[in-house]
Structures are given as structure tokens and as C-alpha cells.
Amino acid sequence: MLRWISALFLLCASHSSWAIDIQPDTLYPQVEFDTSLGKIVVELDRTRAPITVDNFLTYVVKGEYDNTIFHRVISDFVVQGGGLNTKLEELPAGKPIVNESGNGLTNSMGTIAMARDNEPHSATRQFYFNVADNTKLDPSKRRWGYAVFGEIIEGKTVLEAMAVVETATNAKLNWPDVPVTPIILKTAKLLPKK
């Protein structure tokens, strides 16, 4: 009986080590993006966008954003990434999340938000930085918006540099606004609690 209890304890202990730590008790977790153009630090707002923050941090902690690219850059609009690797291959995504765009946060310059398809609850792993005040991406009485879940607290000049890189239509993807010289997200890491 003692052996069985010991085995069960070891199994539970090893299983708990598989769990990821997304700092569920931290209201404003911070993530550092190390890009080919420099570092950006964002502070996320779990008080207003808990589902979105937890989803995003799950990708971060699992290393799913490491060695990805910013594949869409539109000057005075957005810099988008998180969905393609450096070979321009689309990466697998988890289940779509509930749209939290009505949380009071706005798509203003320097904020981070979730990209999605036309369906309001279709965001998975792709995110974007606003490089302008994009009020047309906020919700209204007649439409869903795009969920903002944090803001840049360090490295706005890096974002500004990203926003003005040369872009073109990429033949492989058949998409416009792809940087000619790839902007690589080398790592995205959750910073220790403060």
C-alpha cells in the first residue's frame, strides 16, 4: 500500500511539473519581445482582458512565438505577427477565444491586441501592435472590435522602426504588406513577477 501511495505521489508531482506557469495571480504581467530590430516590453492587463492575457501567455510560456516573424506591416496602422515561422509557414493554433474587445481598452498607439478573422470570436495566436490611434478597430454598438490586452512600456522606438520598413507583396504567401527584410521575433518571454 505504501508503494502504491508513493507511486501515486510521484506521478502527481511529475504531472504538476508539466503545467505551465502563466502567473495567474499577476494582474499586470510583463512580456519581453526580443526582435531583430530591438527589444519591446509590454505590460498586459489581466483585469480587463483575462481570457486574452491567459491565451497569449500560454503561447509565450510554451515558446510558440520564438523564431516567428512579423508578417504584416502597414505604416500608420499595425505591425502584426505571431502566426508564421521564418520559413513563412503558418503555425498551428489552439482553440479560438472569446472576444474581449468591450473591455474599455482602445486600439491606441503602442497597444497590443489580438488579430482575428471576420468572425468576432476567432482570435487564436496572432497579435498586432497599433502604430496609430486606430479607433475604427474598437467596438461600437453595431459591431465587435479587436481586443486590446496591454501596452508597450519599453521599446516604442523599436515599434516605430518596424512600422517604416520596406514591404511588398510576398510571392509565396500572395499577401501584401510583408516586410522585404524579415523582422524576426527571436524570443518572447514572460518576465519574473515584480
Protein backbone atom coordinates (compact mmCIF):
# COMPACT_ATOMS: atom_id res chain seq x y z
CA MET A 1 0.00 0.00 0.00
CA LEU A 2 2.84 2.41 0.86
CA ARG A 3 4.46 1.73 -2.52
CA TRP A 4 1.18 2.48 -4.28
CA ILE A 5 0.82 5.80 -2.42
CA SER A 6 4.45 6.70 -3.16
CA ALA A 7 3.96 5.89 -6.84
CA LEU A 8 0.78 7.98 -6.94
CA PHE A 9 2.58 10.90 -5.25
CA LEU A 10 5.45 10.73 -7.75
CA LEU A 11 3.02 10.59 -10.64
CA CYS A 12 1.15 13.65 -9.37
CA ALA A 13 4.38 15.54 -8.71
CA SER A 14 5.73 14.81 -12.17
CA HIS A 15 2.38 15.71 -13.76
CA SER A 16 2.32 19.08 -12.00
CA SER A 17 5.74 19.86 -13.45
CA TRP A 18 4.16 19.64 -16.89
CA ALA A 19 1.85 22.54 -16.02
CA ILE A 20 2.92 25.91 -17.33
CA ASP A 21 3.21 28.99 -15.16
CA ILE A 22 1.43 31.95 -16.74
CA GLN A 23 1.47 33.85 -13.42
CA PRO A 24 -2.30 33.56 -12.92
CA ASP A 25 -2.20 35.79 -9.81
CA THR A 26 -0.31 38.64 -11.52
CA LEU A 27 -2.75 41.32 -12.66
CA TYR A 28 -0.26 43.10 -14.94
CA PRO A 29 2.26 40.55 -16.23
CA GLN A 30 5.06 41.76 -18.48
CA VAL A 31 6.45 40.13 -21.62
CA GLU A 32 9.73 40.95 -23.34
CA PHE A 33 9.95 40.60 -27.11
CA ASP A 34 13.49 40.25 -28.42
CA THR A 35 13.26 41.12 -32.11
CA SER A 36 15.78 41.55 -34.89
CA LEU A 37 15.22 45.33 -34.55
CA GLY A 38 15.49 45.51 -30.75
CA LYS A 39 13.54 44.78 -27.59
CA ILE A 40 9.97 45.67 -26.70
CA VAL A 41 8.40 45.14 -23.27
CA VAL A 42 4.62 45.04 -22.91
CA GLU A 43 2.53 45.15 -19.79
CA LEU A 44 -0.63 43.08 -20.11
CA ASP A 45 -3.92 43.89 -18.39
CA ARG A 46 -5.47 40.77 -16.86
CA THR A 47 -8.07 42.90 -15.02
CA ARG A 48 -9.71 43.90 -18.32
CA ALA A 49 -8.78 41.03 -20.65
CA PRO A 50 -8.24 37.89 -18.54
CA ILE A 51 -9.10 35.35 -21.26
CA THR A 52 -6.95 37.09 -23.85
CA VAL A 53 -3.99 37.52 -21.49
CA ASP A 54 -4.10 33.87 -20.39
CA ASN A 55 -4.30 32.71 -24.01
CA PHE A 56 -1.40 34.92 -25.10
CA LEU A 57 0.78 33.95 -22.14
CA THR A 58 0.19 30.27 -22.83
CA TYR A 59 1.76 30.72 -26.28
CA VAL A 60 4.59 32.81 -24.76
CA VAL A 61 5.48 30.36 -21.99
CA LYS A 62 5.39 27.39 -24.37
CA GLY A 63 7.87 29.20 -26.65
CA GLU A 64 5.37 29.25 -29.52
CA TYR A 65 6.29 32.79 -30.56
CA ASP A 66 10.04 32.16 -30.64
CA ASN A 67 11.58 32.37 -34.14
CA THR A 68 8.44 33.75 -35.74
CA ILE A 69 8.11 36.79 -37.98
CA PHE A 70 6.12 39.98 -38.14
CA HIS A 71 4.43 39.23 -41.44
CA ARG A 72 2.20 42.28 -41.87
CA VAL A 73 3.41 45.85 -41.55
CA ILE A 74 1.27 48.80 -42.56
CA SER A 75 2.77 52.17 -41.73
CA ASP A 76 0.43 54.29 -39.57
CA PHE A 77 -1.74 51.26 -38.87
CA VAL A 78 -0.40 47.97 -37.44
CA VAL A 79 2.57 45.62 -37.11
CA GLN A 80 1.24 42.04 -36.95
CA GLY A 81 2.91 38.76 -36.05
CA GLY A 82 2.73 35.54 -34.12
CA GLY A 83 1.42 33.22 -36.80
CA LEU A 84 4.26 32.37 -39.20
CA ASN A 85 7.73 30.92 -38.77
CA THR A 86 10.82 32.20 -40.57
CA LYS A 87 10.09 29.84 -43.50
CA LEU A 88 6.76 31.64 -43.98
CA GLU A 89 4.86 28.57 -42.82
CA GLU A 90 1.65 29.04 -40.87
CA LEU A 91 1.94 27.68 -37.34
CA PRO A 92 -0.69 25.55 -35.58
CA ALA A 93 -3.12 27.43 -33.39
CA GLY A 94 -5.19 26.49 -30.37
CA LYS A 95 -8.91 26.97 -29.96
CA PRO A 96 -10.31 30.43 -30.71
CA ILE A 97 -11.09 32.60 -27.70
CA VAL A 98 -13.98 34.83 -26.68
CA ASN A 99 -13.65 38.39 -27.98
CA GLU A 100 -12.98 40.79 -25.08
CA SER A 101 -13.00 43.97 -27.18
CA GLY A 102 -15.64 45.61 -24.99
CA ASN A 103 -13.25 45.85 -22.04
CA GLY A 104 -12.69 49.62 -22.18
CA LEU A 105 -9.17 49.42 -23.65
CA THR A 106 -8.75 51.15 -27.00
CA ASN A 107 -6.65 50.46 -30.09
CA SER A 108 -4.39 53.44 -29.46
CA MET A 109 -0.76 53.92 -30.45
CA GLY A 110 1.53 51.47 -28.65
CA THR A 111 -1.10 48.97 -27.54
CA ILE A 112 -1.12 45.23 -28.27
CA ALA A 113 -4.29 43.49 -29.46
CA MET A 114 -5.43 40.17 -30.89
CA ALA A 115 -5.76 39.70 -34.63
CA ARG A 116 -8.77 37.72 -35.81
CA ASP A 117 -10.82 36.78 -38.85
CA ASN A 118 -14.15 38.42 -39.69
CA GLU A 119 -15.89 36.18 -37.15
CA PRO A 120 -15.65 38.08 -33.84
CA HIS A 121 -14.61 35.09 -31.68
CA SER A 122 -11.87 33.77 -33.98
CA ALA A 123 -8.65 35.06 -32.35
CA THR A 124 -6.07 32.38 -31.61
CA ARG A 125 -2.34 33.20 -31.68
CA GLN A 126 -1.76 36.20 -33.95
CA PHE A 127 -1.41 39.62 -32.36
CA TYR A 128 -0.62 43.13 -33.52
CA PHE A 129 0.79 46.38 -32.24
CA ASN A 130 -1.08 49.56 -33.04
CA VAL A 131 1.21 52.15 -34.65
CA ALA A 132 -1.53 54.78 -34.73
CA ASP A 133 -4.74 55.55 -32.88
CA ASN A 134 -6.96 53.00 -34.65
CA THR A 135 -10.40 53.85 -33.27
CA LYS A 136 -12.05 52.03 -36.19
CA LEU A 137 -10.78 48.77 -34.60
CA ASP A 138 -12.63 49.48 -31.35
CA PRO A 139 -16.12 48.06 -30.78
CA SER A 140 -19.28 50.04 -31.36
CA LYS A 141 -22.97 49.43 -30.67
CA ARG A 142 -23.20 47.72 -34.07
CA ARG A 143 -20.01 45.69 -34.31
CA TRP A 144 -17.38 43.75 -32.39
CA GLY A 145 -13.93 45.26 -32.16
CA TYR A 146 -10.43 43.85 -31.80
CA ALA A 147 -9.44 43.03 -28.23
CA VAL A 148 -6.68 45.17 -26.76
CA PHE A 149 -4.96 43.45 -23.83
CA GLY A 150 -1.88 45.52 -23.00
CA GLU A 151 0.53 48.26 -23.95
CA ILE A 152 4.20 48.84 -24.65
CA ILE A 153 6.08 50.16 -21.63
CA GLU A 154 9.59 49.95 -23.17
CA GLY A 155 10.77 49.98 -26.77
CA LYS A 156 8.28 52.21 -28.60
CA THR A 157 11.14 53.37 -30.82
CA VAL A 158 11.61 49.73 -31.90
CA LEU A 159 7.95 49.58 -32.90
CA GLU A 160 8.33 52.85 -34.78
CA ALA A 161 11.30 51.37 -36.68
CA MET A 162 9.25 48.28 -37.55
CA ALA A 163 6.42 50.41 -38.88
CA VAL A 164 8.55 52.02 -41.59
CA VAL A 165 10.37 49.01 -43.06
CA GLU A 166 10.05 48.36 -46.77
CA THR A 167 7.20 45.99 -47.62
CA ALA A 168 5.94 44.25 -50.74
CA THR A 169 3.56 41.53 -51.87
CA ASN A 170 5.16 38.22 -50.98
CA ALA A 171 5.01 35.72 -53.85
CA LYS A 172 4.97 32.63 -51.61
CA LEU A 173 2.16 33.91 -49.40
CA ASN A 174 0.45 36.03 -52.05
CA TRP A 175 -0.05 38.64 -49.32
CA PRO A 176 0.68 42.37 -49.46
CA ASP A 177 2.49 44.36 -46.75
CA VAL A 178 5.11 41.69 -45.97
CA PRO A 179 8.49 43.11 -44.90
CA VAL A 180 11.12 42.67 -47.64
CA THR A 181 13.74 42.02 -44.95
CA PRO A 182 12.10 39.78 -42.34
CA ILE A 183 11.52 41.18 -38.87
CA ILE A 184 12.17 38.20 -36.61
CA LEU A 185 10.72 37.70 -33.16
CA LYS A 186 13.64 35.78 -31.71
CA THR A 187 12.06 35.20 -28.31
CA ALA A 188 9.03 36.26 -26.31
CA LYS A 189 9.40 35.64 -22.59
CA LEU A 190 7.31 36.23 -19.52
CA LEU A 191 9.30 38.41 -17.13
CA PRO A 192 9.58 37.49 -13.44
CA LYS A 193 6.92 38.87 -11.10
CA LYS A 194 7.68 42.28 -9.64
